[in-house]
């Protein structure tokens, strides 16, 4: 899980630098949050 989060953050940093668009950080963090919520909801439903 930690590797996934770190890789998303590293990717966001690279994209932000490449496109010089700080709004990408907000968008990608929002997507990360949604993914994590979905993962934990699925785990809760399975248990």
PDB file of N, CA and C in Angstrom:
ATOM      1  N   UNK A   1       0.834  -1.188   0.000  1.00  0.00           N
ATOM      2  CA  UNK A   1       0.000   0.000   0.000  1.00  0.00           C
ATOM      3  C   UNK A   1       0.883   1.258   0.000  1.00  0.00           C
ATOM      4  N   UNK A   2       1.901   1.237   0.852  1.00  0.00           N
ATOM      5  CA  UNK A   2       2.776   2.411   0.931  1.00  0.00           C
ATOM      6  C   UNK A   2       3.489   2.656  -0.394  1.00  0.00           C
ATOM      7  N   UNK A   3       3.900   1.580  -1.066  1.00  0.00           N
ATOM      8  CA  UNK A   3       4.580   1.740  -2.359  1.00  0.00           C
ATOM      9  C   UNK A   3       3.647   2.363  -3.387  1.00  0.00           C
ATOM     10  N   UNK A   4       2.386   1.981  -3.349  1.00  0.00           N
ATOM     11  CA  UNK A   4       1.395   2.551  -4.269  1.00  0.00           C
ATOM     12  C   UNK A   4       1.267   4.053  -4.041  1.00  0.00           C
ATOM     13  N   UNK A   5       1.124   4.437  -2.776  1.00  0.00           N
ATOM     14  CA  UNK A   5       0.967   5.858  -2.438  1.00  0.00           C
ATOM     15  C   UNK A   5       2.200   6.647  -2.857  1.00  0.00           C
ATOM     16  N   UNK A   6       3.381   6.115  -2.552  1.00  0.00           N
ATOM     17  CA  UNK A   6       4.618   6.809  -2.911  1.00  0.00           C
ATOM     18  C   UNK A   6       4.758   6.930  -4.420  1.00  0.00           C
ATOM     19  N   UNK A   7       4.421   5.881  -5.156  1.00  0.00           N
ATOM     20  CA  UNK A   7       4.549   5.950  -6.608  1.00  0.00           C
ATOM     21  C   UNK A   7       3.583   6.973  -7.211  1.00  0.00           C
ATOM     22  N   UNK A   8       2.386   7.078  -6.649  1.00  0.00           N
ATOM     23  CA  UNK A   8       1.436   8.086  -7.124  1.00  0.00           C
ATOM     24  C   UNK A   8       1.992   9.485  -6.867  1.00  0.00           C
ATOM     25  N   UNK A   9       2.520   9.704  -5.684  1.00  0.00           N
ATOM     26  CA  UNK A   9       3.075  11.024  -5.340  1.00  0.00           C
ATOM     27  C   UNK A   9       4.268  11.353  -6.238  1.00  0.00           C
ATOM     28  N   UNK A  10       5.144  10.382  -6.461  1.00  0.00           N
ATOM     29  CA  UNK A  10       6.295  10.626  -7.344  1.00  0.00           C
ATOM     30  C   UNK A  10       5.826  10.947  -8.760  1.00  0.00           C
ATOM     31  N   UNK A  11       4.823  10.218  -9.233  1.00  0.00           N
ATOM     32  CA  UNK A  11       4.285  10.480 -10.564  1.00  0.00           C
ATOM     33  C   UNK A  11       3.686  11.863 -10.678  1.00  0.00           C
ATOM     34  N   UNK A  12       2.980  12.273  -9.641  1.00  0.00           N
ATOM     35  CA  UNK A  12       2.385  13.617  -9.631  1.00  0.00           C
ATOM     36  C   UNK A  12       3.466  14.686  -9.705  1.00  0.00           C
ATOM     37  N   UNK A  13       4.525  14.479  -8.959  1.00  0.00           N
ATOM     38  CA  UNK A  13       5.614  15.458  -8.972  1.00  0.00           C
ATOM     39  C   UNK A  13       6.215  15.557 -10.376  1.00  0.00           C
ATOM     40  N   UNK A  14       6.441  14.410 -11.016  1.00  0.00           N
ATOM     41  CA  UNK A  14       7.010  14.430 -12.370  1.00  0.00           C
ATOM     42  C   UNK A  14       6.062  15.097 -13.369  1.00  0.00           C
ATOM     43  N   UNK A  15       4.772  14.759 -13.297  1.00  0.00           N
ATOM     44  CA  UNK A  15       3.803  15.377 -14.205  1.00  0.00           C
ATOM     45  C   UNK A  15       3.709  16.881 -13.998  1.00  0.00           C
ATOM     46  N   UNK A  16       3.694  17.288 -12.742  1.00  0.00           N
ATOM     47  CA  UNK A  16       3.592  18.714 -12.421  1.00  0.00           C
ATOM     48  C   UNK A  16       4.778  19.477 -12.984  1.00  0.00           C
ATOM     49  N   UNK A  17       5.963  18.900 -12.836  1.00  0.00           N
ATOM     50  CA  UNK A  17       7.159  19.558 -13.370  1.00  0.00           C
ATOM     51  C   UNK A  17       7.147  19.568 -14.896  1.00  0.00           C
ATOM     52  N   UNK A  18       6.733  18.469 -15.498  1.00  0.00           N
ATOM     53  CA  UNK A  18       6.731  18.363 -16.953  1.00  0.00           C
ATOM     54  C   UNK A  18       5.774  19.369 -17.585  1.00  0.00           C
ATOM     55  N   UNK A  19       4.558  19.415 -17.047  1.00  0.00           N
ATOM     56  CA  UNK A  19       3.532  20.291 -17.629  1.00  0.00           C
ATOM     57  C   UNK A  19       3.474  21.671 -16.988  1.00  0.00           C
ATOM     58  N   UNK A  20       4.251  21.866 -15.935  1.00  0.00           N
ATOM     59  CA  UNK A  20       4.263  23.142 -15.204  1.00  0.00           C
ATOM     60  C   UNK A  20       2.832  23.564 -14.841  1.00  0.00           C
ATOM     61  N   UNK A  21       2.108  22.588 -14.283  1.00  0.00           N
ATOM     62  CA  UNK A  21       0.703  22.801 -13.940  1.00  0.00           C
ATOM     63  C   UNK A  21       0.442  22.266 -12.526  1.00  0.00           C
ATOM     64  N   UNK A  22       0.411  23.166 -11.564  1.00  0.00           N
ATOM     65  CA  UNK A  22       0.237  22.769 -10.169  1.00  0.00           C
ATOM     66  C   UNK A  22      -1.145  22.184  -9.888  1.00  0.00           C
ATOM     67  N   UNK A  23      -2.115  22.441 -10.758  1.00  0.00           N
ATOM     68  CA  UNK A  23      -3.451  21.896 -10.526  1.00  0.00           C
ATOM     69  C   UNK A  23      -3.469  20.370 -10.644  1.00  0.00           C
ATOM     70  N   UNK A  24      -2.471  19.808 -11.309  1.00  0.00           N
ATOM     71  CA  UNK A  24      -2.387  18.349 -11.422  1.00  0.00           C
ATOM     72  C   UNK A  24      -2.248  17.694 -10.052  1.00  0.00           C
ATOM     73  N   UNK A  25      -1.572  18.370  -9.136  1.00  0.00           N
ATOM     74  CA  UNK A  25      -1.396  17.816  -7.788  1.00  0.00           C
ATOM     75  C   UNK A  25      -2.754  17.608  -7.140  1.00  0.00           C
ATOM     76  N   UNK A  26      -3.592  18.611  -7.183  1.00  0.00           N
ATOM     77  CA  UNK A  26      -4.917  18.517  -6.576  1.00  0.00           C
ATOM     78  C   UNK A  26      -5.738  17.397  -7.208  1.00  0.00           C
ATOM     79  N   UNK A  27      -5.729  17.320  -8.518  1.00  0.00           N
ATOM     80  CA  UNK A  27      -6.500  16.292  -9.220  1.00  0.00           C
ATOM     81  C   UNK A  27      -6.026  14.890  -8.854  1.00  0.00           C
ATOM     82  N   UNK A  28      -4.715  14.682  -8.875  1.00  0.00           N
ATOM     83  CA  UNK A  28      -4.179  13.350  -8.620  1.00  0.00           C
ATOM     84  C   UNK A  28      -4.338  12.933  -7.157  1.00  0.00           C
ATOM     85  N   UNK A  29      -4.222  13.877  -6.240  1.00  0.00           N
ATOM     86  CA  UNK A  29      -4.442  13.560  -4.826  1.00  0.00           C
ATOM     87  C   UNK A  29      -5.909  13.202  -4.604  1.00  0.00           C
ATOM     88  N   UNK A  30      -6.805  13.879  -5.289  1.00  0.00           N
ATOM     89  CA  UNK A  30      -8.228  13.553  -5.201  1.00  0.00           C
ATOM     90  C   UNK A  30      -8.477  12.128  -5.702  1.00  0.00           C
ATOM     91  N   UNK A  31      -7.851  11.778  -6.821  1.00  0.00           N
ATOM     92  CA  UNK A  31      -7.997  10.426  -7.360  1.00  0.00           C
ATOM     93  C   UNK A  31      -7.408   9.386  -6.400  1.00  0.00           C
ATOM     94  N   UNK A  32      -6.269   9.704  -5.819  1.00  0.00           N
ATOM     95  CA  UNK A  32      -5.649   8.800  -4.850  1.00  0.00           C
ATOM     96  C   UNK A  32      -6.571   8.569  -3.670  1.00  0.00           C
ATOM     97  N   UNK A  33      -7.154   9.642  -3.162  1.00  0.00           N
ATOM     98  CA  UNK A  33      -8.073   9.541  -2.032  1.00  0.00           C
ATOM     99  C   UNK A  33      -9.278   8.661  -2.393  1.00  0.00           C
ATOM    100  N   UNK A  34      -9.830   8.868  -3.584  1.00  0.00           N
ATOM    101  CA  UNK A  34     -10.968   8.057  -4.020  1.00  0.00           C
ATOM    102  C   UNK A  34     -10.585   6.586  -4.133  1.00  0.00           C
ATOM    103  N   UNK A  35      -9.397   6.327  -4.674  1.00  0.00           N
ATOM    104  CA  UNK A  35      -8.934   4.941  -4.794  1.00  0.00           C
ATOM    105  C   UNK A  35      -8.774   4.290  -3.424  1.00  0.00           C
ATOM    106  N   UNK A  36      -8.170   5.006  -2.493  1.00  0.00           N
ATOM    107  CA  UNK A  36      -7.971   4.461  -1.154  1.00  0.00           C
ATOM    108  C   UNK A  36      -9.300   4.209  -0.445  1.00  0.00           C
ATOM    109  N   UNK A  37     -10.239   5.134  -0.598  1.00  0.00           N
ATOM    110  CA  UNK A  37     -11.561   4.936  -0.001  1.00  0.00           C
ATOM    111  C   UNK A  37     -12.225   3.692  -0.582  1.00  0.00           C
ATOM    112  N   UNK A  38     -12.120   3.523  -1.890  1.00  0.00           N
ATOM    113  CA  UNK A  38     -12.708   2.359  -2.555  1.00  0.00           C
ATOM    114  C   UNK A  38     -12.057   1.060  -2.066  1.00  0.00           C
ATOM    115  N   UNK A  39     -10.738   1.074  -1.922  1.00  0.00           N
ATOM    116  CA  UNK A  39     -10.012  -0.111  -1.455  1.00  0.00           C
ATOM    117  C   UNK A  39     -10.457  -0.485  -0.049  1.00  0.00           C
ATOM    118  N   UNK A  40     -10.547   0.511   0.836  1.00  0.00           N
ATOM    119  CA  UNK A  40     -10.927   0.212   2.219  1.00  0.00           C
ATOM    120  C   UNK A  40     -12.391  -0.160   2.345  1.00  0.00           C
ATOM    121  N   UNK A  41     -13.241   0.403   1.527  1.00  0.00           N
ATOM    122  CA  UNK A  41     -14.666   0.023   1.552  1.00  0.00           C
ATOM    123  C   UNK A  41     -14.831  -1.422   1.095  1.00  0.00           C
ATOM    124  N   UNK A  42     -14.070  -1.805   0.076  1.00  0.00           N
ATOM    125  CA  UNK A  42     -14.120  -3.174  -0.414  1.00  0.00           C
ATOM    126  C   UNK A  42     -13.597  -4.144   0.649  1.00  0.00           C
ATOM    127  N   UNK A  43     -12.543  -3.738   1.344  1.00  0.00           N
ATOM    128  CA  UNK A  43     -11.974  -4.590   2.397  1.00  0.00           C
ATOM    129  C   UNK A  43     -12.951  -4.735   3.558  1.00  0.00           C
ATOM    130  N   UNK A  44     -13.653  -3.644   3.908  1.00  0.00           N
ATOM    131  CA  UNK A  44     -14.636  -3.699   4.992  1.00  0.00           C
ATOM    132  C   UNK A  44     -15.809  -4.581   4.620  1.00  0.00           C
ATOM    133  N   UNK A  45     -16.237  -4.517   3.376  1.00  0.00           N
ATOM    134  CA  UNK A  45     -17.370  -5.309   2.929  1.00  0.00           C
ATOM    135  C   UNK A  45     -17.018  -6.800   2.905  1.00  0.00           C
ATOM    136  N   UNK A  46     -15.765  -7.110   2.640  1.00  0.00           N
ATOM    137  CA  UNK A  46     -15.324  -8.505   2.562  1.00  0.00           C
ATOM    138  C   UNK A  46     -15.176  -9.136   3.943  1.00  0.00           C
ATOM    139  N   UNK A  47     -14.988  -8.304   4.955  1.00  0.00           N
ATOM    140  CA  UNK A  47     -14.785  -8.880   6.298  1.00  0.00           C
ATOM    141  C   UNK A  47     -16.045  -8.921   7.120  1.00  0.00           C
TER     142      UNK A  47
END
